[in-house]
C-alpha cells in the first residue's frame, strides 16, 4: 500500500515535470517558427547576451529547430530587401544629381538667352546710332557744316591727331576730351603695351594702375597724324587700309554738358559748388585762354595777375558767359583752331569720312564699355576702369545757361548743332526758349 502510494506520487510529479518541460520547450521553439521573416524595427548595435546554461541549451536547440523548420528562402529574402533598399537610395541620389544638373543647365540657358537678348538690343541701338550719322552726313537732316562732303584724303594731317591706332589688336580709337577719354587712353596703353610699370619693370596690364596724368603724353600713342613721319608717302595708303580692316570706335556726350564740364575743369575752381568739385586753377589754360577772355570781355582795369592762382585769389577769373562769348567770337577761330576740349566732335573724329563700328555714349558708359570690350575681343584681357565719373550733370544745364542771353544760347546751339543731330541728342528747347 505504501509502495503504490509512492508510485502515484512519483507519477504525478513526473507528469507535472513533463508538462512543465513541454510548456517551456514549446514557448521557446514557437517563437521562431511563428515569425521566421520578421526583423526588429530597431536593431541593437550589440547582440543581447543572457547568462545561464539552460538558456544556452534552449538557444542551441531553437537554432537547430529553426534551421530545419524555416524555409531556406528567408535569408535571401532579407538580402533582397536590403539590396532593393540600397538600389532605391542609389536611384534617388542619382535622380537628385540629374535634377541638379538639369537646374544648372536651365539656369545657364536662361542667362545665355538674356545675354543674347541684351546683345541683340545693343546691336540694334548701335545700328540706329550709325545710321543717324549716315543720314546727317548725307544731308538728309538739312544740317550743313564745314567738311561734311570732303573726302578723307582732304583732311589735313594735323586734324588726324585724335585717331589712336593699336596694330596688335587692330583697333582705332578717336578720343574726345571730357568724354571718359582718360580711362579709354589707359585701356589703349595697356593694349599697346606702350608704358612700363616702374614697380614690375613690365608693361601695365591693369588700366586702373596706369597713372592718369601720364596717359595724355602724346608720345605714348600712335596716331594717324604721326604716320607721315613713320611711313612717308605710304601713310595715306596705310591709313585707308587700317580704316577698312580695323575696328573703329569713339565716345560722345551731350554737347552743352560737355562745354560746362570743360569750363569747370579748366577755368573754375568750384570749391563750394554743389558737386563738391575741388579742382585747382589750370595755369596753362589761364595763360593761353582765360587771360584772353578777361582782357576782351571782362573790362579788367590794369594788368592781369601773371598766374591763375593769383588771379583766382583776387577774385579775377573768367565767367561762363565770357567763355561762351569767346566761343562765339569769330576772332577766336581766326587766331587758332578751337582747343580740343571744346572743339566739336565732328571736327575731332570726322564721322562723315570714318565709318565707325561703335559709337558709345558717356550717359551709358558702363554698358557701352562692356559691350565694346566684347566686340573688340579683349574683355578677357582687361576691364574698363571703374574710376569716378565726371560729375557734371545734364540737369545743371538750365542753371548754367540761366545768365546767358537767349540770342547767345541759340548761336551756340547752331555752332554745335551737327554734334546734337549726328549723335542723337535732343535739341535743348528749354534752354533755347527760356
Protein backbone atom coordinates (compact mmCIF):
# COMPACT_ATOMS: atom_id res chain seq x y z
CA UNK A 1 0.00 0.00 0.00
CA UNK A 2 2.83 2.36 0.83
CA UNK A 3 4.62 1.40 -2.33
CA UNK A 4 1.62 2.12 -4.53
CA UNK A 5 1.17 5.47 -2.97
CA UNK A 6 4.80 6.29 -3.61
CA UNK A 7 4.43 5.32 -7.24
CA UNK A 8 1.36 7.53 -7.60
CA UNK A 9 3.19 10.50 -6.12
CA UNK A 10 6.18 9.86 -8.35
CA UNK A 11 3.90 9.55 -11.43
CA UNK A 12 2.13 12.80 -10.59
CA UNK A 13 5.42 14.64 -10.04
CA UNK A 14 6.85 13.20 -13.22
CA UNK A 15 3.77 14.23 -15.17
CA UNK A 16 3.96 17.75 -13.80
CA UNK A 17 7.62 17.88 -14.69
CA UNK A 18 6.94 16.73 -18.25
CA UNK A 19 4.12 19.24 -18.65
CA UNK A 20 6.39 22.00 -17.40
CA UNK A 21 9.16 20.89 -19.75
CA UNK A 22 6.77 20.82 -22.73
CA UNK A 23 5.45 24.29 -21.92
CA UNK A 24 8.97 25.75 -21.73
CA UNK A 25 10.12 23.94 -24.87
CA UNK A 26 7.03 24.94 -26.91
CA UNK A 27 7.28 28.58 -25.92
CA UNK A 28 10.91 28.79 -26.96
CA UNK A 29 10.51 26.95 -30.29
CA UNK A 30 7.16 28.51 -31.21
CA UNK A 31 8.68 31.99 -31.13
CA UNK A 32 10.98 31.10 -34.01
CA UNK A 33 8.51 29.12 -36.08
CA UNK A 34 5.69 31.64 -35.97
CA UNK A 35 7.74 34.74 -37.13
CA UNK A 36 10.59 33.44 -39.28
CA UNK A 37 10.82 36.58 -41.59
CA UNK A 38 10.11 39.39 -39.15
CA UNK A 39 13.02 41.60 -38.15
CA UNK A 40 13.11 44.03 -35.26
CA UNK A 41 12.25 47.64 -36.15
CA UNK A 42 15.34 48.92 -34.36
CA UNK A 43 18.37 46.67 -34.37
CA UNK A 44 20.54 46.80 -31.34
CA UNK A 45 24.14 47.69 -32.09
CA UNK A 46 25.24 44.89 -29.77
CA UNK A 47 23.83 41.28 -29.55
CA UNK A 48 21.80 40.53 -26.42
CA UNK A 49 23.55 38.06 -24.05
CA UNK A 50 21.80 36.08 -21.32
CA UNK A 51 23.54 34.16 -18.60
CA UNK A 52 22.65 30.59 -17.64
CA UNK A 53 23.45 27.21 -19.11
CA UNK A 54 19.81 26.16 -19.53
CA UNK A 55 19.14 29.23 -21.80
CA UNK A 56 22.17 28.38 -23.84
CA UNK A 57 20.85 24.89 -24.30
CA UNK A 58 17.43 26.13 -25.37
CA UNK A 59 19.01 28.64 -27.78
CA UNK A 60 21.07 25.96 -29.39
CA UNK A 61 18.04 23.77 -29.78
CA UNK A 62 15.94 26.59 -31.09
CA UNK A 63 18.55 27.44 -33.73
CA UNK A 64 18.71 23.79 -34.77
CA UNK A 65 14.95 23.59 -34.98
CA UNK A 66 14.72 26.87 -36.86
CA UNK A 67 17.25 25.80 -39.45
CA UNK A 68 15.13 22.81 -40.24
CA UNK A 69 11.70 24.45 -39.89
CA UNK A 70 12.25 27.85 -41.55
CA UNK A 71 12.13 27.88 -45.38
CA UNK A 72 15.54 28.31 -46.97
CA UNK A 73 14.35 31.46 -48.78
CA UNK A 74 14.25 33.56 -45.62
CA UNK A 75 17.90 34.78 -45.56
CA UNK A 76 17.90 35.52 -49.28
CA UNK A 77 14.62 37.43 -48.96
CA UNK A 78 16.18 39.64 -46.32
CA UNK A 79 19.17 40.17 -48.59
CA UNK A 80 16.88 41.05 -51.48
CA UNK A 81 15.10 43.62 -49.33
CA UNK A 82 18.39 45.17 -48.29
CA UNK A 83 19.66 45.24 -51.87
CA UNK A 84 16.37 46.71 -53.09
CA UNK A 85 16.54 49.41 -50.44
CA UNK A 86 20.14 50.25 -51.39
CA UNK A 87 19.25 50.38 -55.05
CA UNK A 88 16.31 52.67 -54.29
CA UNK A 89 18.58 55.00 -52.33
CA UNK A 90 21.14 54.99 -55.15
CA UNK A 91 18.40 55.65 -57.68
CA UNK A 92 17.05 58.55 -55.61
CA UNK A 93 20.53 60.02 -55.25
CA UNK A 94 21.11 59.68 -58.99
CA UNK A 95 17.79 61.39 -59.70
CA UNK A 96 18.79 64.23 -57.35
CA UNK A 97 22.08 64.71 -59.20
CA UNK A 98 20.30 64.68 -62.54
CA UNK A 99 17.81 67.29 -61.34
CA UNK A 100 20.63 69.46 -60.02
CA UNK A 101 22.47 69.25 -63.33
CA UNK A 102 19.21 69.98 -65.14
CA UNK A 103 18.57 73.06 -62.99
CA UNK A 104 22.10 74.33 -63.64
CA UNK A 105 21.65 73.75 -67.35
CA UNK A 106 18.33 75.61 -67.34
CA UNK A 107 19.88 78.50 -65.38
CA UNK A 108 22.78 78.67 -67.83
CA UNK A 109 20.40 78.62 -70.78
CA UNK A 110 18.31 81.39 -69.19
CA UNK A 111 21.42 83.51 -68.66
CA UNK A 112 22.57 82.89 -72.22
CA UNK A 113 19.12 83.79 -73.51
CA UNK A 114 19.15 87.03 -71.51
CA UNK A 115 22.65 87.83 -72.76
CA UNK A 116 21.58 87.18 -76.35
CA UNK A 117 18.60 89.47 -75.79
CA UNK A 118 20.83 92.22 -74.35
CA UNK A 119 23.34 91.79 -77.18
CA UNK A 120 20.59 91.96 -79.79
CA UNK A 121 19.23 95.13 -78.18
CA UNK A 122 22.72 96.64 -78.02
CA UNK A 123 23.31 95.76 -81.67
CA UNK A 124 20.05 97.41 -82.69
CA UNK A 125 20.98 100.53 -80.76
CA UNK A 126 24.40 100.63 -82.42
CA UNK A 127 22.87 100.28 -85.86
CA UNK A 128 20.49 103.15 -85.09
CA UNK A 129 23.37 105.37 -83.93
CA UNK A 130 25.44 104.59 -87.01
CA UNK A 131 22.50 105.13 -89.35
CA UNK A 132 21.86 108.53 -87.81
CA UNK A 133 25.40 109.58 -88.67
CA UNK A 134 24.93 108.39 -92.24
CA UNK A 135 21.69 110.37 -92.54
CA UNK A 136 23.25 113.59 -91.24
CA UNK A 137 26.39 113.24 -93.36
CA UNK A 138 24.32 112.57 -96.47
CA UNK A 139 22.40 115.82 -95.94
CA UNK A 140 19.04 114.22 -95.18
CA UNK A 141 18.68 116.25 -91.97
CA UNK A 142 19.45 119.53 -93.79
CA UNK A 143 22.26 120.30 -91.32
CA UNK A 144 25.17 121.95 -93.05
CA UNK A 145 28.65 122.14 -91.56
CA UNK A 146 32.23 122.52 -92.85
CA UNK A 147 33.83 119.35 -94.15
CA UNK A 148 30.60 117.35 -94.47
CA UNK A 149 31.24 116.31 -98.08
CA UNK A 150 35.03 116.27 -98.28
CA UNK A 151 36.98 113.04 -98.76
CA UNK A 152 39.20 111.56 -96.09
CA UNK A 153 42.28 112.31 -98.18
CA UNK A 154 41.44 116.02 -97.95
CA UNK A 155 41.68 116.10 -94.15
CA UNK A 156 44.99 117.72 -93.08
CA UNK A 157 47.36 115.53 -91.07
CA UNK A 158 47.19 117.87 -88.07
CA UNK A 159 43.46 117.15 -87.80
CA UNK A 160 44.07 113.40 -87.52
CA UNK A 161 45.88 113.57 -84.19
CA UNK A 162 42.91 112.15 -82.23
CA UNK A 163 42.80 108.82 -84.05
CA UNK A 164 44.85 106.43 -81.89
CA UNK A 165 45.94 103.18 -83.57
CA UNK A 166 46.62 99.83 -81.89
CA UNK A 167 48.05 97.49 -84.55
CA UNK A 168 48.29 94.50 -82.19
CA UNK A 169 44.53 94.29 -81.67
CA UNK A 170 43.59 96.16 -84.87
CA UNK A 171 41.74 98.96 -83.09
CA UNK A 172 41.36 102.67 -83.88
CA UNK A 173 40.03 104.93 -81.12
CA UNK A 174 39.13 108.57 -81.65
CA UNK A 175 39.35 110.25 -78.26
CA UNK A 176 37.08 113.17 -77.32
CA UNK A 177 38.22 115.21 -74.29
CA UNK A 178 35.69 115.34 -71.42
CA UNK A 179 34.14 112.05 -72.58
CA UNK A 180 35.96 109.44 -70.44
CA UNK A 181 38.99 109.79 -72.68
CA UNK A 182 41.46 109.41 -69.80
CA UNK A 183 40.20 105.93 -69.00
CA UNK A 184 39.96 104.90 -72.64
CA UNK A 185 43.51 106.08 -73.18
CA UNK A 186 44.55 103.93 -70.22
CA UNK A 187 42.89 100.97 -71.94
CA UNK A 188 44.78 101.73 -75.15
CA UNK A 189 48.08 101.98 -73.24
CA UNK A 190 47.54 98.52 -71.75
CA UNK A 191 46.57 97.01 -75.10
CA UNK A 192 49.52 98.53 -76.94
CA UNK A 193 51.93 97.84 -74.03
CA UNK A 194 53.40 101.29 -74.55
CA UNK A 195 54.12 102.12 -70.90
CA UNK A 196 56.33 100.23 -68.45
CA UNK A 197 55.35 99.94 -64.80
CA UNK A 198 58.24 101.08 -62.56
CA UNK A 199 57.25 98.55 -59.89
CA UNK A 200 57.27 95.46 -62.12
CA UNK A 201 59.52 96.56 -64.97
CA UNK A 202 56.92 95.21 -67.37
CA UNK A 203 54.10 96.83 -69.39
CA UNK A 204 50.97 97.68 -67.42
CA UNK A 205 48.25 95.02 -67.55
CA UNK A 206 45.59 96.80 -65.48
CA UNK A 207 44.20 100.09 -66.85
CA UNK A 208 43.37 101.34 -63.35
CA UNK A 209 47.04 101.06 -62.39
CA UNK A 210 48.14 103.36 -65.21
CA UNK A 211 48.74 106.87 -63.79
CA UNK A 212 46.07 109.12 -65.36
CA UNK A 213 48.40 112.08 -65.67
CA UNK A 214 50.75 110.08 -67.92
CA UNK A 215 48.23 108.83 -70.47
CA UNK A 216 47.87 112.29 -72.03
CA UNK A 217 51.51 112.21 -73.06
CA UNK A 218 51.23 112.14 -76.85
CA UNK A 219 54.41 110.09 -77.20
CA UNK A 220 52.59 107.04 -75.78
CA UNK A 221 50.08 106.84 -78.61
CA UNK A 222 50.48 106.16 -82.31
CA UNK A 223 48.05 108.45 -84.13
CA UNK A 224 47.28 108.99 -87.79
CA UNK A 225 48.94 112.38 -87.52
CA UNK A 226 52.28 110.60 -86.89
CA UNK A 227 52.02 108.32 -89.91
CA UNK A 228 53.77 110.79 -92.20
CA UNK A 229 56.92 110.68 -90.06
CA UNK A 230 56.84 106.88 -89.91
CA UNK A 231 55.70 105.90 -93.40
CA UNK A 232 56.18 108.95 -95.59
CA UNK A 233 54.34 108.77 -98.90
CA UNK A 234 52.75 105.45 -97.93
CA UNK A 235 51.00 106.98 -94.92
CA UNK A 236 47.64 107.73 -96.58
CA UNK A 237 47.52 104.31 -98.20
CA UNK A 238 48.18 102.63 -94.83
CA UNK A 239 45.55 104.78 -93.16
CA UNK A 240 43.00 103.68 -95.75
CA UNK A 241 43.87 100.02 -95.20
CA UNK A 242 43.59 100.29 -91.43
CA UNK A 243 40.31 102.20 -91.64
CA UNK A 244 38.97 99.42 -93.82
CA UNK A 245 40.04 96.48 -91.66
CA UNK A 246 40.37 97.76 -88.07
CA UNK A 247 37.55 98.19 -85.54
CA UNK A 248 36.92 101.92 -85.04
CA UNK A 249 35.14 103.50 -82.07
CA UNK A 250 34.53 106.77 -80.26
CA UNK A 251 32.51 108.02 -77.27
CA UNK A 252 30.34 111.14 -77.29
CA UNK A 253 28.35 113.27 -74.87
CA UNK A 254 25.62 115.90 -74.80
CA UNK A 255 27.43 118.89 -76.41
CA UNK A 256 26.25 121.56 -73.96
CA UNK A 257 27.02 119.41 -70.92
CA UNK A 258 30.48 118.73 -72.35
CA UNK A 259 31.07 122.50 -72.61
CA UNK A 260 30.03 123.01 -68.99
CA UNK A 261 32.37 120.22 -67.93
CA UNK A 262 35.27 121.72 -69.90
CA UNK A 263 34.72 125.17 -68.39
CA UNK A 264 34.54 123.84 -64.83
CA UNK A 265 37.63 121.72 -65.31
CA UNK A 266 39.83 124.33 -66.99
CA UNK A 267 38.66 127.69 -65.63
CA UNK A 268 36.66 127.14 -62.47
CA UNK A 269 37.90 126.37 -59.00
CA UNK A 270 34.32 125.45 -57.96
CA UNK A 271 35.32 124.60 -54.38
CA UNK A 272 31.87 125.28 -52.98
CA UNK A 273 29.67 124.15 -55.84
CA UNK A 274 27.00 121.52 -55.23
CA UNK A 275 29.07 118.75 -56.85
CA UNK A 276 31.86 119.34 -54.37
CA UNK A 277 34.40 119.93 -57.17
CA UNK A 278 37.79 120.83 -55.75
CA UNK A 279 39.98 121.28 -58.84
CA UNK A 280 42.75 123.88 -58.67
CA UNK A 281 43.17 126.61 -61.31
CA UNK A 282 44.79 125.42 -64.52
CA UNK A 283 47.80 127.62 -65.16
CA UNK A 284 48.19 126.73 -68.84
CA UNK A 285 44.57 127.36 -69.69
CA UNK A 286 44.55 130.59 -67.73
CA UNK A 287 47.56 131.96 -69.64
CA UNK A 288 46.50 130.73 -73.08
CA UNK A 289 42.73 131.24 -72.93
CA UNK A 290 41.50 132.66 -69.62
CA UNK A 291 43.58 135.82 -69.79
CA UNK A 292 42.32 136.42 -73.36
CA UNK A 293 38.69 136.16 -72.20
CA UNK A 294 39.34 138.54 -69.31
CA UNK A 295 41.07 141.15 -71.47
CA UNK A 296 38.41 141.04 -74.20
CA UNK A 297 35.18 140.70 -72.25
CA UNK A 298 35.77 141.47 -68.53
CA UNK A 299 36.85 145.10 -68.79
CA UNK A 300 39.53 144.45 -66.20
CA UNK A 301 41.33 147.70 -65.36
CA UNK A 302 45.07 147.49 -65.06
CA UNK A 303 47.25 144.48 -65.72
CA UNK A 304 46.12 140.93 -65.10
CA UNK A 305 47.81 138.74 -62.49
CA UNK A 306 50.50 136.59 -64.05
CA UNK A 307 49.35 133.30 -62.54
CA UNK A 308 45.96 131.66 -62.25
CA UNK A 309 46.44 131.21 -58.51
CA UNK A 310 46.98 134.97 -58.02
CA UNK A 311 44.06 135.84 -60.31
CA UNK A 312 41.67 133.46 -58.59
CA UNK A 313 42.81 134.63 -55.16
CA UNK A 314 41.96 138.18 -56.23
CA UNK A 315 38.55 137.04 -57.48
CA UNK A 316 39.55 137.51 -61.11
CA UNK A 317 38.54 134.57 -63.24
CA UNK A 318 36.56 134.02 -66.43
CA UNK A 319 32.81 133.57 -66.13
CA UNK A 320 30.80 131.02 -68.06
CA UNK A 321 29.25 133.86 -70.10
CA UNK A 322 32.69 135.15 -71.06
CA UNK A 323 33.62 131.61 -72.09
CA UNK A 324 30.53 131.37 -74.34
CA UNK A 325 31.28 134.80 -75.77
CA UNK A 326 34.80 133.63 -76.57
CA UNK A 327 33.44 130.58 -78.43
CA UNK A 328 31.03 132.69 -80.48
CA UNK A 329 33.61 135.36 -81.32
CA UNK A 330 34.70 134.98 -84.96
CA UNK A 331 38.13 136.33 -83.98
CA UNK A 332 38.74 133.21 -81.86
CA UNK A 333 38.88 130.80 -84.80
CA UNK A 334 40.78 133.24 -86.96
CA UNK A 335 43.57 133.22 -84.40
CA UNK A 336 43.64 129.46 -83.83
CA UNK A 337 41.55 126.35 -84.20
CA UNK A 338 39.29 125.54 -81.22
CA UNK A 339 41.03 123.80 -78.37
CA UNK A 340 40.26 120.06 -78.28
CA UNK A 341 38.26 120.40 -75.04
CA UNK A 342 35.55 122.45 -76.76
CA UNK A 343 36.15 121.58 -80.39
CA UNK A 344 33.11 119.87 -81.96
CA UNK A 345 33.25 116.08 -82.19
CA UNK A 346 32.61 116.12 -85.91
CA UNK A 347 35.84 118.12 -86.28
CA UNK A 348 37.83 115.88 -83.94
CA UNK A 349 36.80 112.48 -85.27
CA UNK A 350 35.47 113.10 -88.81
CA UNK A 351 32.48 110.71 -88.65
CA UNK A 352 31.43 111.63 -92.21
CA UNK A 353 34.75 110.28 -93.50
CA UNK A 354 35.45 107.50 -90.95
CA UNK A 355 32.83 104.77 -90.77
CA UNK A 356 32.86 103.97 -87.06
CA UNK A 357 31.94 100.45 -85.96
CA UNK A 358 30.91 101.52 -82.47
CA UNK A 359 29.55 104.79 -81.08
CA UNK A 360 29.47 104.90 -77.30
CA UNK A 361 27.87 107.48 -75.05
CA UNK A 362 29.05 108.80 -71.71
CA UNK A 363 25.45 108.62 -70.49
CA UNK A 364 25.54 104.81 -70.92
CA UNK A 365 29.27 104.38 -70.33
CA UNK A 366 29.23 101.18 -68.24
CA UNK A 367 27.02 99.11 -70.54
CA UNK A 368 28.60 100.53 -73.70
CA UNK A 369 32.12 99.83 -72.41
CA UNK A 370 31.22 96.23 -71.56
CA UNK A 371 29.66 95.71 -74.97
CA UNK A 372 32.62 97.29 -76.76
CA UNK A 373 35.30 95.23 -74.97
CA UNK A 374 33.46 92.07 -76.04
CA UNK A 375 33.23 93.37 -79.60
CA UNK A 376 36.98 94.03 -79.57
CA UNK A 377 37.54 90.54 -78.10
CA UNK A 378 39.67 91.94 -75.25
CA UNK A 379 37.16 91.50 -72.42
CA UNK A 380 39.24 88.58 -71.09
CA UNK A 381 42.38 90.73 -71.03
CA UNK A 382 41.16 93.74 -69.07
CA UNK A 383 38.22 95.59 -67.61
CA UNK A 384 37.23 99.20 -68.16
CA UNK A 385 38.40 101.30 -65.18
CA UNK A 386 35.69 101.88 -62.60
CA UNK A 387 37.04 105.29 -61.60
CA UNK A 388 34.94 108.27 -60.58
CA UNK A 389 32.56 109.55 -63.22
CA UNK A 390 32.61 113.14 -64.38
CA UNK A 391 30.19 114.88 -62.05
CA UNK A 392 28.80 117.47 -64.45
CA UNK A 393 25.13 116.52 -64.79
CA UNK A 394 22.71 117.25 -67.63
CA UNK A 395 20.21 118.55 -65.07
CA UNK A 396 22.51 121.50 -64.40
CA UNK A 397 22.20 122.81 -67.94
CA UNK A 398 19.35 125.23 -67.22
CA UNK A 399 21.14 126.75 -64.20
CA UNK A 400 24.41 127.23 -66.07
CA UNK A 401 22.72 128.91 -69.01
CA UNK A 402 20.35 131.00 -66.88
CA UNK A 403 22.58 134.08 -67.16
CA UNK A 404 23.33 133.61 -70.86
CA UNK A 405 21.15 135.73 -73.18
CA UNK A 406 18.72 133.77 -75.36
CA UNK A 407 20.38 135.01 -78.55
CA UNK A 408 23.77 133.69 -77.43
CA UNK A 409 22.27 130.32 -76.49
CA UNK A 410 20.77 129.96 -79.95
CA UNK A 411 24.03 130.96 -81.64
CA UNK A 412 25.87 128.42 -79.51
CA UNK A 413 23.39 125.71 -80.49
CA UNK A 414 23.97 126.45 -84.19
CA UNK A 415 27.71 126.11 -83.55
CA UNK A 416 27.24 122.63 -82.05
CA UNK A 417 24.11 121.58 -83.93
CA UNK A 418 25.96 118.98 -86.08
CA UNK A 419 27.01 117.14 -82.91
CA UNK A 420 23.47 117.27 -81.48
CA UNK A 421 21.98 115.91 -84.70
CA UNK A 422 24.68 113.43 -85.65
CA UNK A 423 24.82 111.71 -82.25
CA UNK A 424 21.12 111.80 -81.49
CA UNK A 425 20.98 114.32 -78.64
CA UNK A 426 17.64 116.15 -78.42
CA UNK A 427 17.51 119.84 -79.10
CA UNK A 428 17.60 121.62 -75.68
CA UNK A 429 14.36 123.56 -76.20
CA UNK A 430 14.03 124.51 -72.54
CA UNK A 431 17.47 126.14 -72.70
CA UNK A 432 16.88 127.83 -76.04
CA UNK A 433 13.47 129.33 -75.28
CA UNK A 434 13.52 130.34 -71.62
